[in-house]
Amino acid sequence: MNRQLADSLNEKLKNSSAVEILEFAAQEFRGKIRFASSMGVEDQVITHMIASEKVPIEIFTLDTGRMFYETYELIEKSEARYNIQVKIYFPDASEIEEMVNARGINLFYKSIENRKMCCGIRKIKPLQRALKEMEAWVTGLRREQSPTRNNMQVVEWDEANQLIKINPLLEWNEQQTWDFINEHKIPYNTLHDKGFPSIGCQPCTRAIQPGEDIRSGRWWWENPETKECGLHLKKNK
């Protein structure tokens, strides 16, 4: 697995639809591919495609321990709607205890270093467990979501996790995403109706004002260039 494979797959999937990308990926990485859902609208679109088209890709999510109630509610609604089980990965309790007792319950507001430590323990390590022994993973990333995602491709070599990452909705825009949600009556997080376009952990997510960037409600006290939890950042070559 390497960057050459990612380039080759990008060429094969040129002009393919999101469903075609998912079906191809499932065939290419039989049993060695998973979809990481954060329960956002993009992820709900992909969940609908996987479930409706019976694409053999397992769906999982990360429970950081500080999620919104509405997110937990959506997990249950999605499982009921599609007759699926969303596998849930949790952070290590002892690591959480040590971090909180050393740096405080809301340490992430104090420094970027603290915030990245919290994301590392609550998100990155559970993700690594979820992707262990996998060869590829699927995400709901879209290019227009953030400046940090401008250079992404539909198929990428994920250096940090040493596997292929597939972004079938990368070129979708927000309107296209919501049109699909409404057309298929897909369940979504009710916080989206209250000004939350991007939803993560409760302490690190706020509603946005009209005209603000869709990611401005995530880690709003930081500069846009640092607004990633680390799940999707590329290592320097």
Protein backbone atom coordinates (compact mmCIF):
# COMPACT_ATOMS: atom_id res chain seq x y z
CA MET A 1 0.00 0.00 0.00
CA ASN A 2 1.46 3.35 -1.01
CA ARG A 3 0.87 6.65 -2.75
CA GLN A 4 1.25 4.99 -6.15
CA LEU A 5 -1.77 2.81 -5.40
CA ALA A 6 -3.77 5.90 -4.38
CA ASP A 7 -2.85 7.62 -7.66
CA SER A 8 -3.84 4.51 -9.62
CA LEU A 9 -7.20 4.27 -7.86
CA ASN A 10 -7.89 7.96 -8.41
CA GLU A 11 -7.38 7.43 -12.12
CA LYS A 12 -9.74 4.43 -12.14
CA LEU A 13 -12.43 6.30 -10.19
CA LYS A 14 -12.30 9.49 -12.22
CA ASN A 15 -15.87 10.70 -12.87
CA SER A 16 -17.35 7.91 -10.67
CA SER A 17 -20.35 8.61 -8.45
CA ALA A 18 -20.13 8.30 -4.68
CA VAL A 19 -21.98 4.96 -4.72
CA GLU A 20 -19.69 3.66 -7.46
CA ILE A 21 -16.66 4.69 -5.39
CA LEU A 22 -18.01 2.85 -2.34
CA GLU A 23 -18.83 -0.28 -4.33
CA PHE A 24 -15.41 -0.29 -5.96
CA ALA A 25 -13.68 0.22 -2.59
CA ALA A 26 -15.63 -2.63 -1.00
CA GLN A 27 -14.57 -4.93 -3.83
CA GLU A 28 -10.96 -3.75 -3.82
CA PHE A 29 -10.46 -4.09 -0.05
CA ARG A 30 -12.74 -7.03 0.77
CA GLY A 31 -13.33 -7.16 4.52
CA LYS A 32 -10.40 -4.82 5.12
CA ILE A 33 -12.24 -1.52 4.87
CA ARG A 34 -14.39 0.43 7.35
CA PHE A 35 -16.37 3.65 7.28
CA ALA A 36 -15.68 6.14 10.08
CA SER A 37 -18.87 8.10 10.74
CA SER A 38 -18.94 11.19 12.93
CA MET A 39 -22.73 11.23 12.43
CA GLY A 40 -22.57 14.44 10.38
CA VAL A 41 -24.83 14.96 7.37
CA GLU A 42 -22.13 13.79 4.96
CA ASP A 43 -21.67 10.64 7.02
CA GLN A 44 -25.42 10.07 7.03
CA VAL A 45 -25.41 10.28 3.24
CA ILE A 46 -22.71 7.61 3.08
CA THR A 47 -24.49 5.46 5.66
CA HIS A 48 -27.63 5.63 3.51
CA MET A 49 -25.67 4.59 0.43
CA ILE A 50 -23.94 1.71 2.20
CA ALA A 51 -27.16 0.41 3.76
CA SER A 52 -29.45 0.98 0.77
CA GLU A 53 -27.07 -0.54 -1.77
CA LYS A 54 -25.93 -3.27 0.66
CA VAL A 55 -22.30 -2.29 0.23
CA PRO A 56 -20.23 -4.61 2.48
CA ILE A 57 -18.43 -1.91 4.48
CA GLU A 58 -18.67 -1.88 8.29
CA ILE A 59 -19.69 1.41 9.92
CA PHE A 60 -18.18 2.66 13.16
CA THR A 61 -18.09 5.85 15.20
CA LEU A 62 -15.99 7.27 18.02
CA ASP A 63 -17.61 8.15 21.33
CA THR A 64 -15.27 10.63 23.01
CA GLY A 65 -17.35 10.73 26.19
CA ARG A 66 -18.25 14.38 25.63
CA MET A 67 -20.74 14.16 22.79
CA PHE A 68 -24.10 15.92 22.47
CA TYR A 69 -27.21 13.99 23.50
CA GLU A 70 -28.54 14.60 19.97
CA THR A 71 -25.59 12.67 18.53
CA TYR A 72 -26.36 9.61 20.64
CA GLU A 73 -30.01 9.91 19.63
CA LEU A 74 -28.99 9.92 15.96
CA ILE A 75 -26.96 6.73 16.36
CA GLU A 76 -30.09 4.93 17.56
CA LYS A 77 -32.29 6.48 14.86
CA SER A 78 -29.82 5.40 12.16
CA GLU A 79 -29.55 1.86 13.48
CA ALA A 80 -33.34 1.55 13.53
CA ARG A 81 -33.86 3.13 10.10
CA TYR A 82 -31.29 0.96 8.31
CA ASN A 83 -31.38 -2.15 10.49
CA ILE A 84 -27.65 -1.92 11.12
CA GLN A 85 -25.29 -1.76 14.07
CA VAL A 86 -22.89 1.14 14.28
CA LYS A 87 -19.85 -0.16 16.13
CA ILE A 88 -18.71 2.28 18.82
CA TYR A 89 -15.12 2.79 19.96
CA PHE A 90 -14.32 4.50 23.26
CA PRO A 91 -11.14 6.11 24.63
CA ASP A 92 -9.13 4.40 27.36
CA ALA A 93 -10.65 5.37 30.72
CA SER A 94 -7.33 5.38 32.58
CA GLU A 95 -5.80 7.77 30.05
CA ILE A 96 -8.78 10.11 30.37
CA GLU A 97 -8.49 10.05 34.16
CA GLU A 98 -4.79 10.82 34.09
CA MET A 99 -5.21 13.67 31.59
CA VAL A 100 -8.13 15.31 33.38
CA ASN A 101 -6.56 15.03 36.82
CA ALA A 102 -3.31 16.52 35.54
CA ARG A 103 -4.65 19.30 33.30
CA GLY A 104 -8.29 19.91 34.21
CA ILE A 105 -11.70 18.84 32.97
CA ASN A 106 -11.78 21.56 30.28
CA LEU A 107 -8.06 21.57 29.49
CA PHE A 108 -8.62 22.17 25.77
CA TYR A 109 -9.49 25.85 26.30
CA LYS A 110 -6.09 26.55 27.86
CA SER A 111 -3.78 25.78 24.93
CA ILE A 112 -3.62 24.16 21.51
CA GLU A 113 -1.23 21.62 23.02
CA ASN A 114 -3.86 20.62 25.58
CA ARG A 115 -6.60 20.48 22.96
CA LYS A 116 -4.52 18.25 20.71
CA MET A 117 -3.72 15.99 23.65
CA CYS A 118 -7.43 15.66 24.40
CA CYS A 119 -8.25 14.90 20.75
CA GLY A 120 -5.39 12.42 20.66
CA ILE A 121 -6.68 10.42 23.60
CA ARG A 122 -10.39 10.72 22.86
CA LYS A 123 -10.28 10.37 19.06
CA ILE A 124 -6.99 9.41 17.46
CA LYS A 125 -6.13 6.41 19.63
CA PRO A 126 -9.64 4.90 19.36
CA LEU A 127 -9.50 5.46 15.60
CA GLN A 128 -6.21 3.60 15.44
CA ARG A 129 -7.80 0.65 17.23
CA ALA A 130 -10.77 0.74 14.87
CA LEU A 131 -8.49 0.70 11.83
CA LYS A 132 -6.12 -1.97 13.11
CA GLU A 133 -5.67 -4.70 10.48
CA MET A 134 -7.61 -2.63 7.92
CA GLU A 135 -6.22 -1.69 4.51
CA ALA A 136 -8.54 1.25 3.83
CA TRP A 137 -11.09 3.53 5.46
CA VAL A 138 -13.90 5.73 4.20
CA THR A 139 -14.66 9.26 5.41
CA GLY A 140 -17.34 11.87 4.75
CA LEU A 141 -14.90 14.73 4.13
CA ARG A 142 -15.79 17.44 1.64
CA ARG A 143 -13.26 19.82 0.14
CA GLU A 144 -15.22 23.01 0.87
CA GLN A 145 -15.53 22.27 4.59
CA SER A 146 -12.17 23.67 5.62
CA PRO A 147 -8.97 25.31 4.31
CA THR A 148 -7.08 22.29 5.65
CA ARG A 149 -8.94 20.06 3.16
CA ASN A 150 -8.27 21.98 -0.06
CA ASN A 151 -5.59 19.62 -1.32
CA MET A 152 -7.32 16.34 -0.57
CA GLN A 153 -8.12 13.73 -3.22
CA VAL A 154 -10.89 11.16 -3.48
CA VAL A 155 -8.34 8.42 -2.79
CA GLU A 156 -5.32 9.24 -0.64
CA TRP A 157 -2.45 7.46 1.04
CA ASP A 158 -2.96 8.05 4.78
CA GLU A 159 0.61 8.22 6.02
CA ALA A 160 -0.36 8.52 9.68
CA ASN A 161 -2.40 5.32 9.67
CA GLN A 162 -0.52 3.58 6.86
CA LEU A 163 -3.55 2.75 4.77
CA ILE A 164 -5.72 4.06 1.95
CA LYS A 165 -8.29 6.75 2.76
CA ILE A 166 -11.33 7.19 0.52
CA ASN A 167 -13.43 10.37 0.42
CA PRO A 168 -16.41 9.65 -1.88
CA LEU A 169 -18.15 12.98 -1.20
CA LEU A 170 -15.05 15.13 -1.57
CA GLU A 171 -16.42 17.19 -4.46
CA TRP A 172 -19.97 17.50 -3.13
CA ASN A 173 -21.12 20.94 -2.00
CA GLU A 174 -23.33 21.70 0.98
CA GLN A 175 -26.49 22.19 -1.08
CA GLN A 176 -25.99 18.89 -2.88
CA THR A 177 -25.54 17.14 0.47
CA TRP A 178 -28.71 18.58 1.98
CA ASP A 179 -30.72 17.94 -1.20
CA PHE A 180 -29.77 14.24 -0.91
CA ILE A 181 -30.68 14.18 2.80
CA ASN A 182 -34.10 15.71 2.13
CA GLU A 183 -34.84 13.65 -0.98
CA HIS A 184 -34.24 10.37 0.83
CA LYS A 185 -35.59 11.52 4.21
CA ILE A 186 -32.34 10.53 5.90
CA PRO A 187 -32.19 11.04 9.69
CA TYR A 188 -29.76 13.76 10.74
CA ASN A 189 -28.62 15.49 13.91
CA THR A 190 -31.32 17.95 15.00
CA LEU A 191 -28.60 20.40 16.08
CA HIS A 192 -28.16 21.21 12.39
CA ASP A 193 -31.55 22.96 12.58
CA LYS A 194 -30.22 25.11 15.43
CA GLY A 195 -27.22 26.64 13.71
CA PHE A 196 -24.69 23.81 14.11
CA PRO A 197 -23.38 22.91 10.61
CA SER A 198 -20.41 20.96 12.01
CA ILE A 199 -20.80 18.94 15.21
CA GLY A 200 -18.14 17.37 17.38
CA CYS A 201 -17.68 17.27 21.14
CA GLN A 202 -20.10 19.44 23.09
CA PRO A 203 -17.51 21.71 24.79
CA CYS A 204 -15.71 22.35 21.51
CA THR A 205 -18.72 23.07 19.28
CA ARG A 206 -20.98 26.11 19.12
CA ALA A 207 -23.69 27.40 16.81
CA ILE A 208 -22.57 29.84 14.12
CA GLN A 209 -23.99 33.13 12.89
CA PRO A 210 -25.26 33.75 9.34
CA GLY A 211 -22.33 34.34 7.00
CA GLU A 212 -19.76 32.58 9.17
CA ASP A 213 -17.67 29.74 7.75
CA ILE A 214 -19.28 26.33 8.34
CA ARG A 215 -16.33 25.20 10.46
CA SER A 216 -16.18 28.37 12.55
CA GLY A 217 -18.17 26.74 15.33
CA ARG A 218 -15.49 24.09 15.89
CA TRP A 219 -12.66 25.09 18.27
CA TRP A 220 -13.73 28.69 17.69
CA TRP A 221 -10.97 30.06 19.93
CA GLU A 222 -8.26 28.83 17.51
CA ASN A 223 -7.03 30.01 14.12
CA PRO A 224 -8.58 28.27 11.06
CA GLU A 225 -5.24 26.63 10.20
CA THR A 226 -5.24 24.58 13.42
CA LYS A 227 -8.89 23.50 13.35
CA GLU A 228 -8.42 19.75 12.93
CA CYS A 229 -8.50 17.12 15.63
CA GLY A 230 -5.69 15.21 13.94
CA LEU A 231 -7.76 12.46 12.35
CA HIS A 232 -7.30 13.90 8.87
CA LEU A 233 -4.00 15.76 8.97
CA LYS A 234 -1.22 14.63 6.67
CA LYS A 235 2.29 13.99 7.94
CA ASN A 236 5.01 15.92 6.24
CA LYS A 237 6.78 13.87 3.58
